[in-house]
Every structure is written in C-alpha cells, then in structure tokens.
N, C-alpha and C. Protein backbone atom coordinates (compact mmCIF):
# COMPACT_ATOMS: atom_id res chain seq x y z
N MET A 1 121.32 70.96 111.36
CA MET A 1 121.43 72.11 110.28
C MET A 1 122.45 73.09 111.06
N SER A 2 123.38 73.75 110.02
CA SER A 2 124.24 74.82 110.48
C SER A 2 123.67 75.94 110.78
N LYS A 3 124.40 76.99 111.13
CA LYS A 3 123.98 78.40 111.46
C LYS A 3 123.25 78.98 110.38
N ARG A 4 122.25 79.70 110.59
CA ARG A 4 121.57 80.36 109.73
C ARG A 4 122.19 81.53 108.87
N ARG A 5 122.03 81.84 107.66
CA ARG A 5 122.53 82.84 106.93
C ARG A 5 121.29 83.89 106.66
N TYR A 6 121.56 85.23 106.82
CA TYR A 6 120.49 86.17 106.43
C TYR A 6 120.86 86.70 105.05
N SER A 7 119.80 86.94 104.29
CA SER A 7 119.93 87.62 103.04
C SER A 7 118.84 88.37 102.58
N GLY A 8 119.06 89.61 102.21
CA GLY A 8 118.01 90.65 101.94
C GLY A 8 117.54 90.12 100.58
N VAL A 9 116.39 90.81 100.22
CA VAL A 9 115.48 90.30 99.06
C VAL A 9 116.35 90.53 97.70
N GLU A 10 117.01 91.63 97.63
CA GLU A 10 117.87 91.93 96.25
C GLU A 10 119.08 90.90 96.37
N GLU A 11 119.86 90.62 97.34
CA GLU A 11 120.99 89.78 97.47
C GLU A 11 120.39 88.41 97.10
N THR A 12 119.20 88.07 97.66
CA THR A 12 118.66 86.66 97.35
C THR A 12 118.45 86.60 95.88
N ARG A 13 117.85 87.53 94.98
CA ARG A 13 117.58 87.52 93.68
C ARG A 13 118.86 87.40 92.88
N LYS A 14 119.94 88.03 93.37
CA LYS A 14 121.22 87.77 92.59
C LYS A 14 121.88 86.49 92.82
N GLN A 15 121.76 85.85 94.08
CA GLN A 15 122.51 84.82 94.42
C GLN A 15 121.57 83.52 94.63
N LEU A 16 120.46 83.67 93.86
CA LEU A 16 119.41 82.36 94.21
C LEU A 16 120.26 80.97 93.76
N PRO A 17 120.79 80.99 92.66
CA PRO A 17 121.41 79.62 92.35
C PRO A 17 122.25 79.16 93.27
N SER A 18 123.21 80.06 93.91
CA SER A 18 124.17 79.52 95.01
C SER A 18 123.44 79.26 96.36
N LEU A 19 122.20 80.07 96.68
CA LEU A 19 121.47 79.72 97.90
C LEU A 19 120.83 78.40 97.65
N LEU A 20 120.44 77.89 96.55
CA LEU A 20 119.78 76.72 96.37
C LEU A 20 120.95 75.54 96.50
N GLU A 21 121.92 75.84 96.00
CA GLU A 21 122.98 74.80 96.27
C GLU A 21 123.32 74.81 97.77
N ASP A 22 123.42 75.73 98.36
CA ASP A 22 123.55 75.84 99.87
C ASP A 22 122.67 75.02 100.61
N ALA A 23 121.17 75.08 100.25
CA ALA A 23 120.26 74.45 100.75
C ALA A 23 120.57 72.93 100.54
N GLN A 24 120.88 72.64 99.30
CA GLN A 24 121.13 71.18 99.14
C GLN A 24 122.15 70.63 99.94
N ALA A 25 123.09 71.51 100.27
CA ALA A 25 124.22 70.98 101.13
C ALA A 25 123.86 71.17 102.79
N GLY A 26 122.61 71.46 102.96
CA GLY A 26 122.08 71.55 104.27
C GLY A 26 122.07 72.84 105.05
N LYS A 27 122.51 73.74 104.17
CA LYS A 27 122.24 75.23 105.00
C LYS A 27 120.97 75.88 104.92
N CYS A 28 120.78 76.68 105.64
CA CYS A 28 119.45 77.39 105.70
C CYS A 28 119.62 78.97 105.70
N THR A 29 118.82 79.39 104.82
CA THR A 29 119.09 80.96 104.40
C THR A 29 117.72 81.65 104.79
N VAL A 30 117.73 82.67 105.78
CA VAL A 30 116.51 83.40 106.11
C VAL A 30 116.43 84.61 105.18
N ILE A 31 115.50 84.92 104.46
CA ILE A 31 115.41 86.08 103.51
C ILE A 31 114.67 87.01 104.15
N THR A 32 115.37 88.23 104.44
CA THR A 32 114.70 89.55 104.92
C THR A 32 114.22 90.61 103.95
N LYS A 33 113.08 91.21 104.49
CA LYS A 33 112.66 92.26 103.75
C LYS A 33 112.56 93.59 104.64
N ARG A 34 113.39 94.57 104.22
CA ARG A 34 113.58 95.79 105.11
C ARG A 34 114.10 95.22 106.55
N GLY A 35 114.91 94.30 106.69
CA GLY A 35 115.49 93.83 107.82
C GLY A 35 114.64 92.86 108.70
N LYS A 36 113.44 92.44 108.23
CA LYS A 36 112.72 91.55 109.03
C LYS A 36 112.34 90.27 108.26
N PRO A 37 112.77 89.24 109.09
CA PRO A 37 112.61 87.80 108.33
C PRO A 37 111.26 87.70 107.64
N CYS A 38 111.14 87.11 106.40
CA CYS A 38 109.93 86.91 105.85
C CYS A 38 109.71 85.68 104.97
N ALA A 39 110.86 84.97 104.93
CA ALA A 39 110.93 83.74 104.34
C ALA A 39 112.14 82.98 104.45
N ALA A 40 112.10 81.50 104.02
CA ALA A 40 113.40 80.96 104.34
C ALA A 40 113.62 79.82 103.13
N ILE A 41 114.99 79.65 102.71
CA ILE A 41 115.43 78.71 101.95
C ILE A 41 115.89 77.60 102.60
N VAL A 42 115.32 76.52 102.84
CA VAL A 42 115.73 75.35 103.72
C VAL A 42 116.00 74.10 102.78
N PRO A 43 116.88 73.23 103.15
CA PRO A 43 116.81 71.74 102.79
C PRO A 43 115.56 71.12 102.77
N VAL A 44 115.13 70.38 101.75
CA VAL A 44 113.72 69.81 101.79
C VAL A 44 113.66 68.92 102.79
N ASP A 45 114.83 68.08 102.97
CA ASP A 45 114.85 67.11 104.20
C ASP A 45 114.45 67.67 105.54
N SER A 46 114.71 68.88 105.69
CA SER A 46 114.63 69.50 107.06
C SER A 46 113.06 69.82 107.40
N LEU A 47 112.06 69.83 106.27
CA LEU A 47 110.68 70.12 106.39
C LEU A 47 110.06 68.80 107.07
N PRO A 48 109.16 69.06 107.93
CA PRO A 48 108.35 68.07 108.55
C PRO A 48 107.60 67.16 107.41
N GLU A 49 107.53 65.84 107.83
CA GLU A 49 106.70 65.02 106.96
C GLU A 49 105.28 65.42 107.03
N SER A 50 104.38 65.57 106.00
CA SER A 50 103.08 65.97 105.91
C SER A 50 102.35 64.72 105.36
N SER A 51 101.14 64.41 106.05
CA SER A 51 100.35 63.29 105.58
C SER A 51 99.43 64.02 104.52
N PRO A 52 99.04 63.29 103.46
CA PRO A 52 98.21 63.93 102.35
C PRO A 52 96.89 64.38 103.05
N ARG A 53 96.46 65.39 102.42
CA ARG A 53 95.24 66.09 103.03
C ARG A 53 93.91 65.21 102.59
N PRO A 54 92.92 65.22 103.30
CA PRO A 54 91.83 64.47 102.87
C PRO A 54 91.14 65.17 101.77
N SER A 55 90.62 64.46 100.96
CA SER A 55 89.81 65.02 99.69
C SER A 55 88.55 65.74 100.26
N LEU A 56 88.16 66.78 99.77
CA LEU A 56 86.86 67.55 100.18
C LEU A 56 85.78 66.76 99.66
N LEU A 57 85.95 65.83 98.76
CA LEU A 57 84.73 64.87 98.25
C LEU A 57 84.25 63.94 99.27
N THR A 58 84.97 63.78 100.34
CA THR A 58 84.40 62.89 101.40
C THR A 58 83.31 63.79 102.14
N LEU A 59 83.28 65.14 101.96
CA LEU A 59 82.16 65.77 102.67
C LEU A 59 80.92 65.91 101.92
N ARG A 60 81.05 65.50 100.73
CA ARG A 60 79.84 65.61 99.85
C ARG A 60 78.60 64.87 100.41
N GLY A 61 77.48 65.56 100.47
CA GLY A 61 76.25 65.15 100.95
C GLY A 61 76.18 65.41 102.66
N SER A 62 77.20 65.68 103.18
CA SER A 62 77.17 65.85 104.63
C SER A 62 76.36 67.04 105.22
N GLY A 63 75.67 67.81 104.39
CA GLY A 63 74.88 68.88 104.83
C GLY A 63 73.37 68.59 104.61
N ALA A 64 73.01 67.10 104.66
CA ALA A 64 71.62 66.83 104.18
C ALA A 64 70.86 67.37 105.56
N GLY A 65 69.60 68.02 105.29
CA GLY A 65 68.93 68.32 106.37
C GLY A 65 69.27 69.65 107.02
N LEU A 66 70.48 70.08 106.60
CA LEU A 66 70.94 71.34 107.10
C LEU A 66 70.03 72.40 107.09
N TRP A 67 69.22 72.53 105.90
CA TRP A 67 68.47 73.64 105.59
C TRP A 67 66.76 73.32 105.92
N GLY A 68 66.67 72.20 106.52
CA GLY A 68 65.22 71.85 106.84
C GLY A 68 64.84 70.87 105.80
N ASP A 69 63.38 70.73 105.77
CA ASP A 69 62.74 69.85 104.84
C ASP A 69 62.62 70.54 103.52
N ASP A 70 62.59 71.81 103.50
CA ASP A 70 62.49 72.48 102.09
C ASP A 70 63.57 73.48 101.79
N ALA A 71 64.74 72.90 101.32
CA ALA A 71 65.88 73.80 101.25
C ALA A 71 65.74 75.13 100.24
N GLU A 72 64.75 74.80 99.21
CA GLU A 72 64.53 75.81 98.23
C GLU A 72 63.71 76.93 98.93
N ALA A 73 62.66 76.81 99.82
CA ALA A 73 61.99 77.73 100.40
C ALA A 73 62.97 78.51 101.43
N TRP A 74 63.82 77.91 102.01
CA TRP A 74 64.82 78.48 103.10
C TRP A 74 65.76 79.45 102.28
N VAL A 75 66.15 79.12 101.08
CA VAL A 75 67.14 79.71 100.20
C VAL A 75 66.30 81.10 99.99
N ASP A 76 65.17 81.03 99.31
CA ASP A 76 64.21 82.06 99.08
C ASP A 76 63.90 83.01 100.21
N ARG A 77 63.85 82.46 101.24
CA ARG A 77 63.66 83.47 102.55
C ARG A 77 64.78 84.42 102.72
N LEU A 78 66.16 83.61 102.57
CA LEU A 78 67.20 84.39 102.75
C LEU A 78 67.49 85.45 101.63
N ARG A 79 67.06 85.13 100.63
CA ARG A 79 67.13 85.93 99.53
C ARG A 79 66.22 87.28 99.50
N ASP A 80 65.11 87.06 100.27
CA ASP A 80 64.24 88.12 100.46
C ASP A 80 64.64 89.11 101.43
N GLU A 81 65.57 88.61 102.36
CA GLU A 81 66.23 89.57 103.40
C GLU A 81 67.08 90.67 102.68
N TRP A 82 67.68 90.28 101.67
CA TRP A 82 68.75 91.17 101.14
C TRP A 82 67.89 92.05 100.02
C-alpha cells in the first residue's frame, strides 16, 4: 500500500467520490477530526479475512440449571431485593 494521505472531515465530505476511487486504486486515506486520526478509507483487499461469526442460537439452552431447580423462585427472590 502506498503512503497514507490525511484528510480532515470537511475535506473528506467534499472529496468522498475521489477518495473512494483512490481506495479502489490501492491508496489509503486517514480521516482526522480536529487533527487526530479517527477513521480510514482503505482498499477492501487490505482488510483481514474474517471468518463468519458463530450464531448465538448455538448457545440456546446452555444455561440449564444455572438458576437451580426452581428458576421461578430464584427470580422472585431477586425481584424482592429491589
């Protein structure tokens, strides 16, 4: 990847189409807010490959027994504390 370019928020708003073209050409632009880097426009190919996240549905039912034999009574006791 070539040298980074820095762009302020206002400049980025005005030049977004050309910054996107630069990203397609392999150039990275760091967006600054009040002089501090806060985001970047980078080529998609430079992002690390990520594996799909596992579904939360696989956790379904994994809390069996977490609240003891009588979960309803346990929750009632917790409500009484408040």
